[in-house]
Amino acid sequence: MTAPLWQDQKEGRWFTRIPVTTMLNGAMLTLPLHVVTGKQAGPTLGIVTNVHGDEFLPTTAIRTMIRQLDTAKLKGRLAIISVANPLATAGFGRLTPEQHGRTDLHEVFPGNARGNTTQMIAAAITANVLDHVDAYVDFHSGGSGGRLQARVDYNSKASDDVKAKSLALARAFGMPFTHENDLTGTATHYMNLKRNIPGANPEMGGSYLGPENTALYTQQAIAGLHGMMAHLGMLDGKTKPPRQLDFNQQARHEIRPRNSGYLVSNYECADDLGLLIKKGSKLGEVIDLYSYEVLEEMTAPVDGYLFFSRYSGVVGAGTQAFALAEEAASRWLD
């Protein structure tokens, strides 16, 4: 394993671009890498954002965070890929716009340097970041469509020891929900199973939420990363996580419309997350934009805590509109 150039960096901030492949327009596809090195020795935390191209809230929050970070107080180093899938981001979409193969970067790690473009991107991230860090954050948010969420996922397929360390890292982020999820194919799964390294996937906020909620989630993202760094001993001021609801895939209930149309959501405020919704309660309805008729009402299938909701707006059939953590199948972490 070849050590990357950034491991020789002294205290301060450093930026480079990692070459991936030549594109049809003749330009080189590169990945942006930011490295922030502290004055004192310590662990290296890898952070990757924009694995999905329309999930840009985390990277804007990280920009603010690293500008404010005092490297004299930092123990260790941050290695950050600020835009993991530039082609998806340039297309304002979730997936890589290419002709063949699997195009969701979130599903192809550790990648393949001789695969399709998506796999090449994953391989470059693995070689230049994942193989050289001590803990990992795969930072996601809602994409286009006005989504509210505030949870951190950890991998159900990890060993017991790595899972426990990943849960502790997830808890340190400070969101109200932690979710034991199947992360097969993701960078976190690679870190857990191939390198025995803890990892966590924050899923918070979204795009185009307006100034109030955008500011709220930005502040929470910065505070969450500070909490993780304190947990890892990279910053002083480690604090106890708040009371959190932990749930697994069996407790997760996604409510998806059967019809495309205009979703009228009954839950559009960030404070709505965490509400206990009783079985049968109306979550929203889908309206036909042509006939103006109500196509369907969406109701809670179980008593559960709301951990995902959409703003009112146009939705496609089968799109996740709401999600509940079933009360009877979840546990509180104090």
C-alpha atoms as a PDB file:
ATOM      1  CA  MET A   1       0.000   0.000   0.000  1.00  0.00           C
ATOM      2  CA  THR A   2       1.586   3.294  -1.113  1.00  0.00           C
ATOM      3  CA  ALA A   3       1.372   6.170   1.359  1.00  0.00           C
ATOM      4  CA  PRO A   4      -0.433   9.204  -0.082  1.00  0.00           C
ATOM      5  CA  LEU A   5       1.366  12.540  -0.422  1.00  0.00           C
ATOM      6  CA  TRP A   6      -0.878  14.145   2.182  1.00  0.00           C
ATOM      7  CA  GLN A   7       0.585  12.037   4.986  1.00  0.00           C
ATOM      8  CA  ASP A   8       3.719  14.213   4.838  1.00  0.00           C
ATOM      9  CA  GLN A   9       1.819  17.481   5.301  1.00  0.00           C
ATOM     10  CA  LYS A  10       2.666  19.666   8.281  1.00  0.00           C
ATOM     11  CA  GLU A  11       0.206  21.688  10.347  1.00  0.00           C
ATOM     12  CA  GLY A  12      -2.242  23.632   8.202  1.00  0.00           C
ATOM     13  CA  ARG A  13      -4.545  23.208   5.210  1.00  0.00           C
ATOM     14  CA  TRP A  14      -3.677  21.560   1.913  1.00  0.00           C
ATOM     15  CA  PHE A  15      -5.686  20.964  -1.253  1.00  0.00           C
ATOM     16  CA  THR A  16      -5.095  18.811  -4.311  1.00  0.00           C
ATOM     17  CA  ARG A  17      -7.007  17.040  -7.067  1.00  0.00           C
ATOM     18  CA  ILE A  18      -6.847  13.272  -7.550  1.00  0.00           C
ATOM     19  CA  PRO A  19      -6.882  12.196 -11.233  1.00  0.00           C
ATOM     20  CA  VAL A  20      -9.394   9.501 -12.190  1.00  0.00           C
ATOM     21  CA  THR A  21      -9.827   9.273 -15.972  1.00  0.00           C
ATOM     22  CA  THR A  22     -10.142  11.305 -19.170  1.00  0.00           C
ATOM     23  CA  MET A  23     -13.658  12.346 -20.151  1.00  0.00           C
ATOM     24  CA  LEU A  24     -15.160  12.589 -23.640  1.00  0.00           C
ATOM     25  CA  ASN A  25     -14.779  16.382 -23.628  1.00  0.00           C
ATOM     26  CA  GLY A  26     -11.014  15.879 -23.304  1.00  0.00           C
ATOM     27  CA  ALA A  27     -10.795  17.105 -19.730  1.00  0.00           C
ATOM     28  CA  MET A  28      -9.437  15.047 -16.831  1.00  0.00           C
ATOM     29  CA  LEU A  29     -11.964  13.876 -14.243  1.00  0.00           C
ATOM     30  CA  THR A  30     -10.474  14.620 -10.816  1.00  0.00           C
ATOM     31  CA  LEU A  31     -11.602  14.379  -7.204  1.00  0.00           C
ATOM     32  CA  PRO A  32     -11.044  17.271  -4.775  1.00  0.00           C
ATOM     33  CA  LEU A  33      -9.110  16.359  -1.623  1.00  0.00           C
ATOM     34  CA  HIS A  34      -8.815  18.700   1.359  1.00  0.00           C
ATOM     35  CA  VAL A  35      -6.372  17.836   4.138  1.00  0.00           C
ATOM     36  CA  VAL A  36      -6.342  19.649   7.477  1.00  0.00           C
ATOM     37  CA  THR A  37      -3.431  18.715   9.733  1.00  0.00           C
ATOM     38  CA  GLY A  38      -3.286  19.565  13.405  1.00  0.00           C
ATOM     39  CA  LYS A  39      -0.326  20.747  15.438  1.00  0.00           C
ATOM     40  CA  GLN A  40      -0.359  17.587  17.556  1.00  0.00           C
ATOM     41  CA  ALA A  41      -0.313  13.927  16.553  1.00  0.00           C
ATOM     42  CA  GLY A  42      -3.551  11.971  16.549  1.00  0.00           C
ATOM     43  CA  PRO A  43      -5.885   9.853  14.433  1.00  0.00           C
ATOM     44  CA  THR A  44      -6.900  10.595  10.860  1.00  0.00           C
ATOM     45  CA  LEU A  45     -10.616  11.010  10.185  1.00  0.00           C
ATOM     46  CA  GLY A  46     -11.742  10.487   6.591  1.00  0.00           C
ATOM     47  CA  ILE A  47     -14.845  12.326   5.427  1.00  0.00           C
ATOM     48  CA  VAL A  48     -16.529  11.886   2.040  1.00  0.00           C
ATOM     49  CA  THR A  49     -19.498  13.928   0.798  1.00  0.00           C
ATOM     50  CA  ASN A  50     -21.548  14.147  -2.393  1.00  0.00           C
ATOM     51  CA  VAL A  51     -21.441  10.426  -3.074  1.00  0.00           C
ATOM     52  CA  HIS A  52     -24.863  11.308  -4.464  1.00  0.00           C
ATOM     53  CA  GLY A  53     -24.548  14.368  -6.627  1.00  0.00           C
ATOM     54  CA  ASP A  54     -27.582  16.312  -5.410  1.00  0.00           C
ATOM     55  CA  GLU A  55     -26.767  15.985  -1.690  1.00  0.00           C
ATOM     56  CA  PHE A  56     -24.716  19.134  -1.251  1.00  0.00           C
ATOM     57  CA  LEU A  57     -25.656  20.412   2.223  1.00  0.00           C
ATOM     58  CA  PRO A  58     -22.862  18.460   4.015  1.00  0.00           C
ATOM     59  CA  THR A  59     -20.048  19.784   1.850  1.00  0.00           C
ATOM     60  CA  THR A  60     -21.143  23.411   2.335  1.00  0.00           C
ATOM     61  CA  ALA A  61     -21.224  22.814   6.109  1.00  0.00           C
ATOM     62  CA  ILE A  62     -17.761  21.217   5.996  1.00  0.00           C
ATOM     63  CA  ARG A  63     -16.399  24.247   4.127  1.00  0.00           C
ATOM     64  CA  THR A  64     -17.468  26.438   7.037  1.00  0.00           C
ATOM     65  CA  MET A  65     -16.192  23.950   9.615  1.00  0.00           C
ATOM     66  CA  ILE A  66     -12.651  23.591   8.266  1.00  0.00           C
ATOM     67  CA  ARG A  67     -12.306  27.360   7.823  1.00  0.00           C
ATOM     68  CA  GLN A  68     -13.210  27.860  11.484  1.00  0.00           C
ATOM     69  CA  LEU A  69     -11.106  24.970  12.788  1.00  0.00           C
ATOM     70  CA  ASP A  70      -8.058  25.993  14.842  1.00  0.00           C
ATOM     71  CA  THR A  71      -5.291  23.611  13.758  1.00  0.00           C
ATOM     72  CA  ALA A  72      -3.299  24.467  16.895  1.00  0.00           C
ATOM     73  CA  LYS A  73      -6.014  22.668  18.884  1.00  0.00           C
ATOM     74  CA  LEU A  74      -6.434  19.762  16.461  1.00  0.00           C
ATOM     75  CA  LYS A  75      -4.817  16.423  17.266  1.00  0.00           C
ATOM     76  CA  GLY A  76      -4.439  14.431  14.071  1.00  0.00           C
ATOM     77  CA  ARG A  77      -5.760  15.090  10.621  1.00  0.00           C
ATOM     78  CA  LEU A  78      -8.878  15.364   8.450  1.00  0.00           C
ATOM     79  CA  ALA A  79      -8.830  13.931   4.905  1.00  0.00           C
ATOM     80  CA  ILE A  80     -11.919  15.156   3.058  1.00  0.00           C
ATOM     81  CA  ILE A  81     -13.277  14.388  -0.400  1.00  0.00           C
ATOM     82  CA  SER A  82     -15.592  17.361  -0.816  1.00  0.00           C
ATOM     83  CA  VAL A  83     -17.326  16.138  -3.999  1.00  0.00           C
ATOM     84  CA  ALA A  84     -17.101  12.371  -4.437  1.00  0.00           C
ATOM     85  CA  ASN A  85     -19.060  12.211  -7.687  1.00  0.00           C
ATOM     86  CA  PRO A  86     -18.379  15.353  -9.746  1.00  0.00           C
ATOM     87  CA  LEU A  87     -20.242  13.994 -12.790  1.00  0.00           C
ATOM     88  CA  ALA A  88     -23.441  13.422 -10.813  1.00  0.00           C
ATOM     89  CA  THR A  89     -23.082  16.823  -9.145  1.00  0.00           C
ATOM     90  CA  ALA A  90     -22.583  18.555 -12.500  1.00  0.00           C
ATOM     91  CA  GLY A  91     -25.769  16.888 -13.758  1.00  0.00           C
ATOM     92  CA  PHE A  92     -27.765  17.947 -10.658  1.00  0.00           C
ATOM     93  CA  GLY A  93     -28.560  14.266 -10.139  1.00  0.00           C
ATOM     94  CA  ARG A  94     -28.027  11.368  -7.781  1.00  0.00           C
ATOM     95  CA  LEU A  95     -26.147   8.942 -10.051  1.00  0.00           C
ATOM     96  CA  THR A  96     -23.252   9.018 -12.505  1.00  0.00           C
ATOM     97  CA  PRO A  97     -24.517   9.846 -16.020  1.00  0.00           C
ATOM     98  CA  GLU A  98     -22.707   7.096 -17.930  1.00  0.00           C
ATOM     99  CA  GLN A  99     -23.683   4.481 -20.466  1.00  0.00           C
ATOM    100  CA  HIS A 100     -23.388   1.166 -18.645  1.00  0.00           C
ATOM    101  CA  GLY A 101     -22.758  -0.635 -15.388  1.00  0.00           C
ATOM    102  CA  ARG A 102     -23.779   0.245 -11.870  1.00  0.00           C
ATOM    103  CA  THR A 103     -23.917   4.025 -11.584  1.00  0.00           C
ATOM    104  CA  ASP A 104     -24.695   4.554  -7.872  1.00  0.00           C
ATOM    105  CA  LEU A 105     -21.338   5.343  -6.265  1.00  0.00           C
ATOM    106  CA  HIS A 106     -22.830   4.399  -2.883  1.00  0.00           C
ATOM    107  CA  GLU A 107     -23.018   0.749  -3.982  1.00  0.00           C
ATOM    108  CA  VAL A 108     -19.690  -0.025  -5.691  1.00  0.00           C
ATOM    109  CA  PHE A 109     -16.918   0.251  -3.076  1.00  0.00           C
ATOM    110  CA  PRO A 110     -14.032  -0.484  -2.968  1.00  0.00           C
ATOM    111  CA  GLY A 111     -14.336   0.102  -6.693  1.00  0.00           C
ATOM    112  CA  ASN A 112     -12.339  -1.130  -9.661  1.00  0.00           C
ATOM    113  CA  ALA A 113      -9.657   0.895 -11.437  1.00  0.00           C
ATOM    114  CA  ARG A 114     -10.540  -0.979 -14.671  1.00  0.00           C
ATOM    115  CA  GLY A 115     -14.308  -0.817 -14.239  1.00  0.00           C
ATOM    116  CA  ASN A 116     -16.809   1.786 -15.386  1.00  0.00           C
ATOM    117  CA  THR A 117     -16.382   5.437 -14.410  1.00  0.00           C
ATOM    118  CA  THR A 118     -18.344   5.023 -11.168  1.00  0.00           C
ATOM    119  CA  GLN A 119     -16.109   2.138 -10.113  1.00  0.00           C
ATOM    120  CA  MET A 120     -12.998   4.128 -11.084  1.00  0.00           C
ATOM    121  CA  ILE A 121     -14.114   6.968  -8.800  1.00  0.00           C
ATOM    122  CA  ALA A 122     -14.633   4.530  -5.931  1.00  0.00           C
ATOM    123  CA  ALA A 123     -11.212   2.978  -6.506  1.00  0.00           C
ATOM    124  CA  ALA A 124      -9.532   6.401  -6.432  1.00  0.00           C
ATOM    125  CA  ILE A 125     -11.262   7.278  -3.144  1.00  0.00           C
ATOM    126  CA  THR A 126     -10.267   3.922  -1.666  1.00  0.00           C
ATOM    127  CA  ALA A 127      -6.611   4.209  -2.685  1.00  0.00           C
ATOM    128  CA  ASN A 128      -6.170   7.832  -1.653  1.00  0.00           C
ATOM    129  CA  VAL A 129      -8.343   8.094   1.474  1.00  0.00           C
ATOM    130  CA  LEU A 130     -10.071   4.961   2.767  1.00  0.00           C
ATOM    131  CA  ASP A 131      -6.914   2.860   2.997  1.00  0.00           C
ATOM    132  CA  HIS A 132      -5.141   5.490   5.126  1.00  0.00           C
ATOM    133  CA  VAL A 133      -7.598   6.689   7.795  1.00  0.00           C
ATOM    134  CA  ASP A 134      -8.474   5.543  11.320  1.00  0.00           C
ATOM    135  CA  ALA A 135     -12.194   6.351  11.284  1.00  0.00           C
ATOM    136  CA  TYR A 136     -14.628   7.243   8.533  1.00  0.00           C
ATOM    137  CA  VAL A 137     -17.677   9.430   7.915  1.00  0.00           C
ATOM    138  CA  ASP A 138     -19.790   8.955   4.768  1.00  0.00           C
ATOM    139  CA  PHE A 139     -21.871  12.134   4.936  1.00  0.00           C
ATOM    140  CA  HIS A 140     -25.288  12.218   3.198  1.00  0.00           C
ATOM    141  CA  SER A 141     -28.328  14.457   3.155  1.00  0.00           C
ATOM    142  CA  GLY A 142     -31.624  14.715   1.341  1.00  0.00           C
ATOM    143  CA  GLY A 143     -31.283  15.585  -2.329  1.00  0.00           C
ATOM    144  CA  SER A 144     -33.646  17.598  -4.478  1.00  0.00           C
ATOM    145  CA  GLY A 145     -37.200  17.392  -3.259  1.00  0.00           C
ATOM    146  CA  GLY A 146     -37.194  18.969   0.192  1.00  0.00           C
ATOM    147  CA  ARG A 147     -36.479  16.132   2.635  1.00  0.00           C
ATOM    148  CA  LEU A 148     -36.196  16.362   6.418  1.00  0.00           C
ATOM    149  CA  GLN A 149     -34.139  13.813   8.309  1.00  0.00           C
ATOM    150  CA  ALA A 150     -31.781  13.657  11.297  1.00  0.00           C
ATOM    151  CA  ARG A 151     -30.158  10.271  11.856  1.00  0.00           C
ATOM    152  CA  VAL A 152     -26.806   8.478  11.643  1.00  0.00           C
ATOM    153  CA  ASP A 153     -26.552   4.993  10.118  1.00  0.00           C
ATOM    154  CA  TYR A 154     -24.083   2.284  11.119  1.00  0.00           C
ATOM    155  CA  ASN A 155     -23.501  -1.055   9.446  1.00  0.00           C
ATOM    156  CA  SER A 156     -25.494  -4.123  10.505  1.00  0.00           C
ATOM    157  CA  LYS A 157     -22.956  -6.371   8.735  1.00  0.00           C
ATOM    158  CA  ALA A 158     -19.947  -5.250  10.788  1.00  0.00           C
ATOM    159  CA  SER A 159     -18.363  -7.474  13.441  1.00  0.00           C
ATOM    160  CA  ASP A 160     -19.621  -6.953  16.985  1.00  0.00           C
ATOM    161  CA  ASP A 161     -16.504  -5.026  18.003  1.00  0.00           C
ATOM    162  CA  VAL A 162     -16.471  -2.740  14.966  1.00  0.00           C
ATOM    163  CA  LYS A 163     -20.247  -2.302  15.173  1.00  0.00           C
ATOM    164  CA  ALA A 164     -19.970  -1.142  18.780  1.00  0.00           C
ATOM    165  CA  LYS A 165     -17.240   1.356  17.855  1.00  0.00           C
ATOM    166  CA  SER A 166     -19.298   2.560  14.876  1.00  0.00           C
ATOM    167  CA  LEU A 167     -22.384   3.032  17.047  1.00  0.00           C
ATOM    168  CA  ALA A 168     -20.324   5.063  19.522  1.00  0.00           C
ATOM    169  CA  LEU A 169     -19.078   7.222  16.627  1.00  0.00           C
ATOM    170  CA  ALA A 170     -22.633   7.597  15.318  1.00  0.00           C
ATOM    171  CA  ARG A 171     -23.897   8.580  18.755  1.00  0.00           C
ATOM    172  CA  ALA A 172     -21.187  11.219  19.094  1.00  0.00           C
ATOM    173  CA  PHE A 173     -22.674  13.052  16.112  1.00  0.00           C
ATOM    174  CA  GLY A 174     -25.637  13.881  18.338  1.00  0.00           C
ATOM    175  CA  MET A 175     -28.651  13.296  16.090  1.00  0.00           C
ATOM    176  CA  PRO A 176     -31.925  12.076  17.686  1.00  0.00           C
ATOM    177  CA  PHE A 177     -31.825   8.766  15.746  1.00  0.00           C
ATOM    178  CA  THR A 178     -29.216   6.062  15.158  1.00  0.00           C
ATOM    179  CA  HIS A 179     -30.036   3.355  12.616  1.00  0.00           C
ATOM    180  CA  GLU A 180     -28.487  -0.094  12.252  1.00  0.00           C
ATOM    181  CA  ASN A 181     -28.705  -0.385   8.481  1.00  0.00           C
ATOM    182  CA  ASP A 182     -27.434  -2.730   5.763  1.00  0.00           C
ATOM    183  CA  LEU A 183     -24.591  -0.751   4.180  1.00  0.00           C
ATOM    184  CA  THR A 184     -23.351  -3.482   1.820  1.00  0.00           C
ATOM    185  CA  GLY A 185     -21.449  -1.985  -1.119  1.00  0.00           C
ATOM    186  CA  THR A 186     -20.764   1.317   0.605  1.00  0.00           C
ATOM    187  CA  ALA A 187     -17.441   2.794   1.622  1.00  0.00           C
ATOM    188  CA  THR A 188     -18.386   2.264   5.272  1.00  0.00           C
ATOM    189  CA  HIS A 189     -18.944  -1.448   4.631  1.00  0.00           C
ATOM    190  CA  TYR A 190     -15.474  -1.683   3.091  1.00  0.00           C
ATOM    191  CA  MET A 191     -13.951   0.097   6.074  1.00  0.00           C
ATOM    192  CA  ASN A 192     -15.773  -2.136   8.562  1.00  0.00           C
ATOM    193  CA  LEU A 193     -15.153  -5.520   6.953  1.00  0.00           C
ATOM    194  CA  LYS A 194     -11.842  -5.114   5.121  1.00  0.00           C
ATOM    195  CA  ARG A 195     -10.026  -2.730   7.455  1.00  0.00           C
ATOM    196  CA  ASN A 196     -11.848  -3.246  10.790  1.00  0.00           C
ATOM    197  CA  ILE A 197     -12.247   0.518  11.033  1.00  0.00           C
ATOM    198  CA  PRO A 198     -15.347   2.212  12.538  1.00  0.00           C
ATOM    199  CA  GLY A 199     -17.542   4.251  10.244  1.00  0.00           C
ATOM    200  CA  ALA A 200     -20.855   6.081  10.336  1.00  0.00           C
ATOM    201  CA  ASN A 201     -23.185   7.626   7.761  1.00  0.00           C
ATOM    202  CA  PRO A 202     -25.007  10.795   8.835  1.00  0.00           C
ATOM    203  CA  GLU A 203     -28.255  11.374   6.924  1.00  0.00           C
ATOM    204  CA  MET A 204     -29.486  14.838   7.735  1.00  0.00           C
ATOM    205  CA  GLY A 205     -31.193  17.832   6.216  1.00  0.00           C
ATOM    206  CA  GLY A 206     -31.577  18.208   2.507  1.00  0.00           C
ATOM    207  CA  SER A 207     -31.379  20.576  -0.437  1.00  0.00           C
ATOM    208  CA  TYR A 208     -33.548  23.628  -1.044  1.00  0.00           C
ATOM    209  CA  LEU A 209     -35.016  23.687   2.472  1.00  0.00           C
ATOM    210  CA  GLY A 210     -35.067  27.452   2.795  1.00  0.00           C
ATOM    211  CA  PRO A 211     -32.782  29.642   4.925  1.00  0.00           C
ATOM    212  CA  GLU A 212     -34.095  28.650   8.368  1.00  0.00           C
ATOM    213  CA  ASN A 213     -33.792  24.872   8.038  1.00  0.00           C
ATOM    214  CA  THR A 214     -30.611  25.108   5.966  1.00  0.00           C
ATOM    215  CA  ALA A 215     -28.980  27.154   8.738  1.00  0.00           C
ATOM    216  CA  LEU A 216     -30.257  24.705  11.364  1.00  0.00           C
ATOM    217  CA  TYR A 217     -28.867  21.617   9.626  1.00  0.00           C
ATOM    218  CA  THR A 218     -25.601  23.384   8.802  1.00  0.00           C
ATOM    219  CA  GLN A 219     -25.079  24.202  12.477  1.00  0.00           C
ATOM    220  CA  GLN A 220     -25.995  20.640  13.451  1.00  0.00           C
ATOM    221  CA  ALA A 221     -23.581  19.205  10.871  1.00  0.00           C
ATOM    222  CA  ILE A 222     -20.690  21.263  12.208  1.00  0.00           C
ATOM    223  CA  ALA A 223     -21.553  20.429  15.811  1.00  0.00           C
ATOM    224  CA  GLY A 224     -21.884  16.746  14.887  1.00  0.00           C
ATOM    225  CA  LEU A 225     -18.445  16.589  13.291  1.00  0.00           C
ATOM    226  CA  HIS A 226     -16.963  18.373  16.297  1.00  0.00           C
ATOM    227  CA  GLY A 227     -18.626  15.743  18.495  1.00  0.00           C
ATOM    228  CA  MET A 228     -17.106  12.935  16.444  1.00  0.00           C
ATOM    229  CA  MET A 229     -13.650  14.510  16.561  1.00  0.00           C
ATOM    230  CA  ALA A 230     -13.935  14.965  20.321  1.00  0.00           C
ATOM    231  CA  HIS A 231     -14.996  11.326  20.642  1.00  0.00           C
ATOM    232  CA  LEU A 232     -11.871  10.282  18.708  1.00  0.00           C
ATOM    233  CA  GLY A 233      -9.633  12.470  20.886  1.00  0.00           C
ATOM    234  CA  MET A 234      -8.916  14.925  18.073  1.00  0.00           C
ATOM    235  CA  LEU A 235     -10.489  17.870  19.922  1.00  0.00           C
ATOM    236  CA  ASP A 236     -10.954  18.668  23.590  1.00  0.00           C
ATOM    237  CA  GLY A 237     -14.421  18.849  25.133  1.00  0.00           C
ATOM    238  CA  LYS A 238     -15.880  15.352  24.774  1.00  0.00           C
ATOM    239  CA  THR A 239     -19.535  15.332  25.868  1.00  0.00           C
ATOM    240  CA  LYS A 240     -22.120  12.664  26.575  1.00  0.00           C
ATOM    241  CA  PRO A 241     -24.478  11.996  23.628  1.00  0.00           C
ATOM    242  CA  PRO A 242     -28.132  13.000  24.051  1.00  0.00           C
ATOM    243  CA  ARG A 243     -30.886  10.458  24.549  1.00  0.00           C
ATOM    244  CA  GLN A 244     -31.318   8.770  21.162  1.00  0.00           C
ATOM    245  CA  LEU A 245     -33.679   6.287  19.549  1.00  0.00           C
ATOM    246  CA  ASP A 246     -31.853   3.341  17.999  1.00  0.00           C
ATOM    247  CA  PHE A 247     -33.652   1.135  15.466  1.00  0.00           C
ATOM    248  CA  ASN A 248     -32.834  -1.566  12.924  1.00  0.00           C
ATOM    249  CA  GLN A 249     -34.192  -2.452   9.482  1.00  0.00           C
ATOM    250  CA  GLN A 250     -37.049  -4.499  10.907  1.00  0.00           C
ATOM    251  CA  ALA A 251     -38.280  -1.431  12.803  1.00  0.00           C
ATOM    252  CA  ARG A 252     -38.026   0.805   9.722  1.00  0.00           C
ATOM    253  CA  HIS A 253     -41.281   1.487   7.868  1.00  0.00           C
ATOM    254  CA  GLU A 254     -41.159   3.528   4.662  1.00  0.00           C
ATOM    255  CA  ILE A 255     -44.369   5.023   3.374  1.00  0.00           C
ATOM    256  CA  ARG A 256     -44.325   5.432  -0.407  1.00  0.00           C
ATOM    257  CA  PRO A 257     -47.117   6.655  -2.711  1.00  0.00           C
ATOM    258  CA  ARG A 258     -48.604   4.262  -5.236  1.00  0.00           C
ATOM    259  CA  ASN A 259     -49.324   7.180  -7.573  1.00  0.00           C
ATOM    260  CA  SER A 260     -47.332  10.093  -8.934  1.00  0.00           C
ATOM    261  CA  GLY A 261     -48.722  13.506  -8.163  1.00  0.00           C
ATOM    262  CA  TYR A 262     -48.470  16.435  -5.785  1.00  0.00           C
ATOM    263  CA  LEU A 263     -47.766  15.400  -2.190  1.00  0.00           C
ATOM    264  CA  VAL A 264     -49.461  17.491   0.468  1.00  0.00           C
ATOM    265  CA  SER A 265     -47.360  16.735   3.551  1.00  0.00           C
ATOM    266  CA  ASN A 266     -48.660  17.147   7.082  1.00  0.00           C
ATOM    267  CA  TYR A 267     -45.104  17.198   8.461  1.00  0.00           C
ATOM    268  CA  GLU A 268     -42.875  19.926   7.035  1.00  0.00           C
ATOM    269  CA  CYS A 269     -41.018  21.291  10.070  1.00  0.00           C
ATOM    270  CA  ALA A 270     -37.671  20.093  11.389  1.00  0.00           C
ATOM    271  CA  ASP A 271     -39.257  19.883  14.847  1.00  0.00           C
ATOM    272  CA  ASP A 272     -41.713  17.276  13.514  1.00  0.00           C
ATOM    273  CA  LEU A 273     -38.902  14.708  13.420  1.00  0.00           C
ATOM    274  CA  GLY A 274     -39.100  12.511  16.488  1.00  0.00           C
ATOM    275  CA  LEU A 275     -42.861  12.827  16.896  1.00  0.00           C
ATOM    276  CA  LEU A 276     -44.644   9.630  17.910  1.00  0.00           C
ATOM    277  CA  ILE A 277     -47.244   9.016  15.207  1.00  0.00           C
ATOM    278  CA  LYS A 278     -50.119   6.671  16.014  1.00  0.00           C
ATOM    279  CA  LYS A 279     -51.098   3.900  13.617  1.00  0.00           C
ATOM    280  CA  GLY A 280     -53.684   5.120  11.095  1.00  0.00           C
ATOM    281  CA  SER A 281     -52.800   8.808  11.475  1.00  0.00           C
ATOM    282  CA  LYS A 282     -52.801  10.728   8.212  1.00  0.00           C
ATOM    283  CA  LEU A 283     -49.319  11.701   7.060  1.00  0.00           C
ATOM    284  CA  GLY A 284     -50.342  13.366   3.831  1.00  0.00           C
ATOM    285  CA  GLU A 285     -52.152  12.894   0.548  1.00  0.00           C
ATOM    286  CA  VAL A 286     -51.317  12.766  -3.149  1.00  0.00           C
ATOM    287  CA  ILE A 287     -53.291  14.993  -5.518  1.00  0.00           C
ATOM    288  CA  ASP A 288     -53.653  14.595  -9.282  1.00  0.00           C
ATOM    289  CA  LEU A 289     -52.400  17.847 -10.822  1.00  0.00           C
ATOM    290  CA  TYR A 290     -54.681  17.312 -13.829  1.00  0.00           C
ATOM    291  CA  SER A 291     -58.047  16.391 -12.323  1.00  0.00           C
ATOM    292  CA  TYR A 292     -57.340  17.916  -8.850  1.00  0.00           C
ATOM    293  CA  GLU A 293     -58.696  14.729  -7.293  1.00  0.00           C
ATOM    294  CA  VAL A 294     -57.107  13.113  -4.251  1.00  0.00           C
ATOM    295  CA  LEU A 295     -55.436   9.966  -5.574  1.00  0.00           C
ATOM    296  CA  GLU A 296     -54.557   8.486  -2.187  1.00  0.00           C
ATOM    297  CA  GLU A 297     -54.157   9.230   1.481  1.00  0.00           C
ATOM    298  CA  MET A 298     -50.974   8.138   3.199  1.00  0.00           C
ATOM    299  CA  THR A 299     -51.296   6.873   6.767  1.00  0.00           C
ATOM    300  CA  ALA A 300     -48.990   5.486   9.442  1.00  0.00           C
ATOM    301  CA  PRO A 301     -48.841   1.651   9.264  1.00  0.00           C
ATOM    302  CA  VAL A 302     -47.662   1.347  12.903  1.00  0.00           C
ATOM    303  CA  ASP A 303     -47.154   3.394  16.031  1.00  0.00           C
ATOM    304  CA  GLY A 304     -43.763   4.893  15.284  1.00  0.00           C
ATOM    305  CA  TYR A 305     -41.404   7.834  15.534  1.00  0.00           C
ATOM    306  CA  LEU A 306     -41.157  10.043  12.449  1.00  0.00           C
ATOM    307  CA  PHE A 307     -37.538  10.094  11.239  1.00  0.00           C
ATOM    308  CA  PHE A 308     -38.023  11.115   7.594  1.00  0.00           C
ATOM    309  CA  SER A 309     -40.517  13.449   5.944  1.00  0.00           C
ATOM    310  CA  ARG A 310     -40.887  15.434   2.750  1.00  0.00           C
ATOM    311  CA  TYR A 311     -42.037  18.937   2.108  1.00  0.00           C
ATOM    312  CA  SER A 312     -45.145  19.268  -0.006  1.00  0.00           C
ATOM    313  CA  GLY A 313     -44.236  18.956  -3.665  1.00  0.00           C
ATOM    314  CA  VAL A 314     -44.281  16.757  -6.745  1.00  0.00           C
ATOM    315  CA  VAL A 315     -43.392  13.090  -6.132  1.00  0.00           C
ATOM    316  CA  GLY A 316     -43.098  10.034  -8.325  1.00  0.00           C
ATOM    317  CA  ALA A 317     -44.822   6.748  -7.619  1.00  0.00           C
ATOM    318  CA  GLY A 318     -42.733   4.657  -5.245  1.00  0.00           C
ATOM    319  CA  THR A 319     -40.707   7.594  -3.938  1.00  0.00           C
ATOM    320  CA  GLN A 320     -40.112   7.566  -0.181  1.00  0.00           C
ATOM    321  CA  ALA A 321     -42.416  10.173   1.320  1.00  0.00           C
ATOM    322  CA  PHE A 322     -42.307   9.385   5.055  1.00  0.00           C
ATOM    323  CA  ALA A 323     -40.551   6.896   7.327  1.00  0.00           C
ATOM    324  CA  LEU A 324     -41.253   5.704  10.863  1.00  0.00           C
ATOM    325  CA  ALA A 325     -39.203   3.815  13.436  1.00  0.00           C
ATOM    326  CA  GLU A 326     -41.684   1.394  14.977  1.00  0.00           C
ATOM    327  CA  GLU A 327     -42.096   2.170  18.667  1.00  0.00           C
ATOM    328  CA  ALA A 328     -42.374  -1.459  19.788  1.00  0.00           C
ATOM    329  CA  ALA A 329     -39.238  -2.533  17.874  1.00  0.00           C
ATOM    330  CA  SER A 330     -36.898   0.348  18.772  1.00  0.00           C
ATOM    331  CA  ARG A 331     -34.804   1.107  21.851  1.00  0.00           C
ATOM    332  CA  TRP A 332     -33.782   4.254  23.683  1.00  0.00           C
ATOM    333  CA  LEU A 333     -30.079   4.876  24.271  1.00  0.00           C
ATOM    334  CA  ASP A 334     -29.256   7.038  27.294  1.00  0.00           C
END
